[in-house]
Amino acid sequence: MWKYQDNPIVSKTIIEKKTGTVTLFTFEKNQGLNEHTAPYDALVHLIDRKAEIIISGKIINLKNGEMIIMPANQPHALKAVQK
């Protein structure tokens, strides 16, 4: 099990390029990223627990170890179902 900090959202940018970034996030239960779009595909790799991903209004539930691509220019959001 991962050790989490006691903050609602913690992020750490690992790679930052003009074509996109790689960022590690941790979220408290029911916290996440509000709906937004990006000019490039976004990959979510859930490494622990559960999250709800919304892509163009469609809800996808992910659990630890699963991945999904959120296509460029489509509205998407993320919410942690568990810490």
C-alpha atoms as a PDB file:
ATOM      1  CA  MET A   1       0.000   0.000   0.000  1.00  0.00           C
ATOM      2  CA  TRP A   2       1.196   3.506  -0.815  1.00  0.00           C
ATOM      3  CA  LYS A   3       1.824   6.102   1.863  1.00  0.00           C
ATOM      4  CA  TYR A   4      -0.253   9.205   1.161  1.00  0.00           C
ATOM      5  CA  GLN A   5       0.195  12.787   2.287  1.00  0.00           C
ATOM      6  CA  ASP A   6      -2.675  14.442   4.149  1.00  0.00           C
ATOM      7  CA  ASN A   7      -3.557  16.954   1.439  1.00  0.00           C
ATOM      8  CA  PRO A   8      -6.628  16.846  -0.799  1.00  0.00           C
ATOM      9  CA  ILE A   9      -4.604  16.895  -4.043  1.00  0.00           C
ATOM     10  CA  VAL A  10      -0.883  16.348  -4.474  1.00  0.00           C
ATOM     11  CA  SER A  11       0.762  16.500  -7.902  1.00  0.00           C
ATOM     12  CA  LYS A  12       4.324  15.965  -9.099  1.00  0.00           C
ATOM     13  CA  THR A  13       5.269  16.753 -12.698  1.00  0.00           C
ATOM     14  CA  ILE A  14       7.793  14.189 -13.894  1.00  0.00           C
ATOM     15  CA  ILE A  15       8.151  15.275 -17.547  1.00  0.00           C
ATOM     16  CA  GLU A  16       7.111  18.610 -19.092  1.00  0.00           C
ATOM     17  CA  LYS A  17       7.331  19.082 -22.865  1.00  0.00           C
ATOM     18  CA  LYS A  18       5.521  21.209 -25.466  1.00  0.00           C
ATOM     19  CA  THR A  19       3.707  18.052 -26.583  1.00  0.00           C
ATOM     20  CA  GLY A  20       2.467  17.117 -23.116  1.00  0.00           C
ATOM     21  CA  THR A  21       3.390  16.252 -19.558  1.00  0.00           C
ATOM     22  CA  VAL A  22       3.644  13.265 -17.265  1.00  0.00           C
ATOM     23  CA  THR A  23       2.243  14.052 -13.832  1.00  0.00           C
ATOM     24  CA  LEU A  24       1.744  11.859 -10.778  1.00  0.00           C
ATOM     25  CA  PHE A  25      -1.345  12.746  -8.718  1.00  0.00           C
ATOM     26  CA  THR A  26      -2.815  11.605  -5.413  1.00  0.00           C
ATOM     27  CA  PHE A  27      -6.346  12.560  -4.403  1.00  0.00           C
ATOM     28  CA  GLU A  28      -8.479  12.350  -1.285  1.00  0.00           C
ATOM     29  CA  LYS A  29     -11.798  10.526  -1.693  1.00  0.00           C
ATOM     30  CA  ASN A  30     -14.206  12.539  -3.915  1.00  0.00           C
ATOM     31  CA  GLN A  31     -11.436  14.928  -5.059  1.00  0.00           C
ATOM     32  CA  GLY A  32     -10.203  15.059  -8.631  1.00  0.00           C
ATOM     33  CA  LEU A  33      -9.739  17.155 -11.725  1.00  0.00           C
ATOM     34  CA  ASN A  34     -12.631  19.255 -13.041  1.00  0.00           C
ATOM     35  CA  GLU A  35     -13.809  18.800 -16.597  1.00  0.00           C
ATOM     36  CA  HIS A  36     -11.400  20.277 -19.126  1.00  0.00           C
ATOM     37  CA  THR A  37      -9.906  19.572 -22.556  1.00  0.00           C
ATOM     38  CA  ALA A  38      -6.319  19.164 -23.695  1.00  0.00           C
ATOM     39  CA  PRO A  39      -4.759  19.499 -27.164  1.00  0.00           C
ATOM     40  CA  TYR A  40      -3.185  16.042 -26.810  1.00  0.00           C
ATOM     41  CA  ASP A  41      -4.279  12.603 -25.612  1.00  0.00           C
ATOM     42  CA  ALA A  42      -4.097  12.049 -21.854  1.00  0.00           C
ATOM     43  CA  LEU A  43      -3.250   8.648 -20.392  1.00  0.00           C
ATOM     44  CA  VAL A  44      -4.516   7.704 -16.944  1.00  0.00           C
ATOM     45  CA  HIS A  45      -2.783   4.775 -15.252  1.00  0.00           C
ATOM     46  CA  LEU A  46      -4.435   4.090 -11.926  1.00  0.00           C
ATOM     47  CA  ILE A  47      -1.790   2.595  -9.657  1.00  0.00           C
ATOM     48  CA  ASP A  48      -3.913   2.257  -6.516  1.00  0.00           C
ATOM     49  CA  ARG A  49      -7.570   2.079  -5.468  1.00  0.00           C
ATOM     50  CA  LYS A  50     -10.494   3.275  -7.638  1.00  0.00           C
ATOM     51  CA  ALA A  51     -11.385   6.326  -9.742  1.00  0.00           C
ATOM     52  CA  GLU A  52     -14.224   7.544 -11.921  1.00  0.00           C
ATOM     53  CA  ILE A  53     -13.185   8.910 -15.308  1.00  0.00           C
ATOM     54  CA  ILE A  54     -15.639  10.942 -17.384  1.00  0.00           C
ATOM     55  CA  ILE A  55     -14.960  11.367 -21.102  1.00  0.00           C
ATOM     56  CA  SER A  56     -17.470  13.382 -23.136  1.00  0.00           C
ATOM     57  CA  GLY A  57     -20.151  12.636 -20.534  1.00  0.00           C
ATOM     58  CA  LYS A  58     -19.478   8.868 -20.405  1.00  0.00           C
ATOM     59  CA  ILE A  59     -18.483   7.466 -16.978  1.00  0.00           C
ATOM     60  CA  ILE A  60     -15.754   4.815 -16.856  1.00  0.00           C
ATOM     61  CA  ASN A  61     -14.796   3.202 -13.544  1.00  0.00           C
ATOM     62  CA  LEU A  62     -11.129   2.222 -13.180  1.00  0.00           C
ATOM     63  CA  LYS A  63      -9.451   0.166 -10.487  1.00  0.00           C
ATOM     64  CA  ASN A  64      -5.795  -0.265  -9.572  1.00  0.00           C
ATOM     65  CA  GLY A  65      -3.633  -1.402 -12.464  1.00  0.00           C
ATOM     66  CA  GLU A  66      -6.027  -0.274 -15.207  1.00  0.00           C
ATOM     67  CA  MET A  67      -5.367   2.410 -17.836  1.00  0.00           C
ATOM     68  CA  ILE A  68      -7.424   4.550 -20.195  1.00  0.00           C
ATOM     69  CA  ILE A  69      -6.659   7.148 -22.848  1.00  0.00           C
ATOM     70  CA  MET A  70      -8.672  10.357 -22.780  1.00  0.00           C
ATOM     71  CA  PRO A  71      -8.671  11.584 -26.400  1.00  0.00           C
ATOM     72  CA  ALA A  72      -7.408  15.034 -27.330  1.00  0.00           C
ATOM     73  CA  ASN A  73      -9.954  17.859 -27.531  1.00  0.00           C
ATOM     74  CA  GLN A  74     -12.695  15.859 -25.773  1.00  0.00           C
ATOM     75  CA  PRO A  75     -13.921  17.062 -22.372  1.00  0.00           C
ATOM     76  CA  HIS A  76     -12.752  14.818 -19.548  1.00  0.00           C
ATOM     77  CA  ALA A  77     -12.637  14.762 -15.745  1.00  0.00           C
ATOM     78  CA  LEU A  78     -11.444  12.485 -12.955  1.00  0.00           C
ATOM     79  CA  LYS A  79     -12.755  11.791  -9.448  1.00  0.00           C
ATOM     80  CA  ALA A  80     -11.189   9.553  -6.792  1.00  0.00           C
ATOM     81  CA  VAL A  81     -13.705   7.001  -5.502  1.00  0.00           C
ATOM     82  CA  GLN A  82     -11.261   6.154  -2.694  1.00  0.00           C
ATOM     83  CA  LYS A  83      -8.259   7.990  -1.221  1.00  0.00           C
END
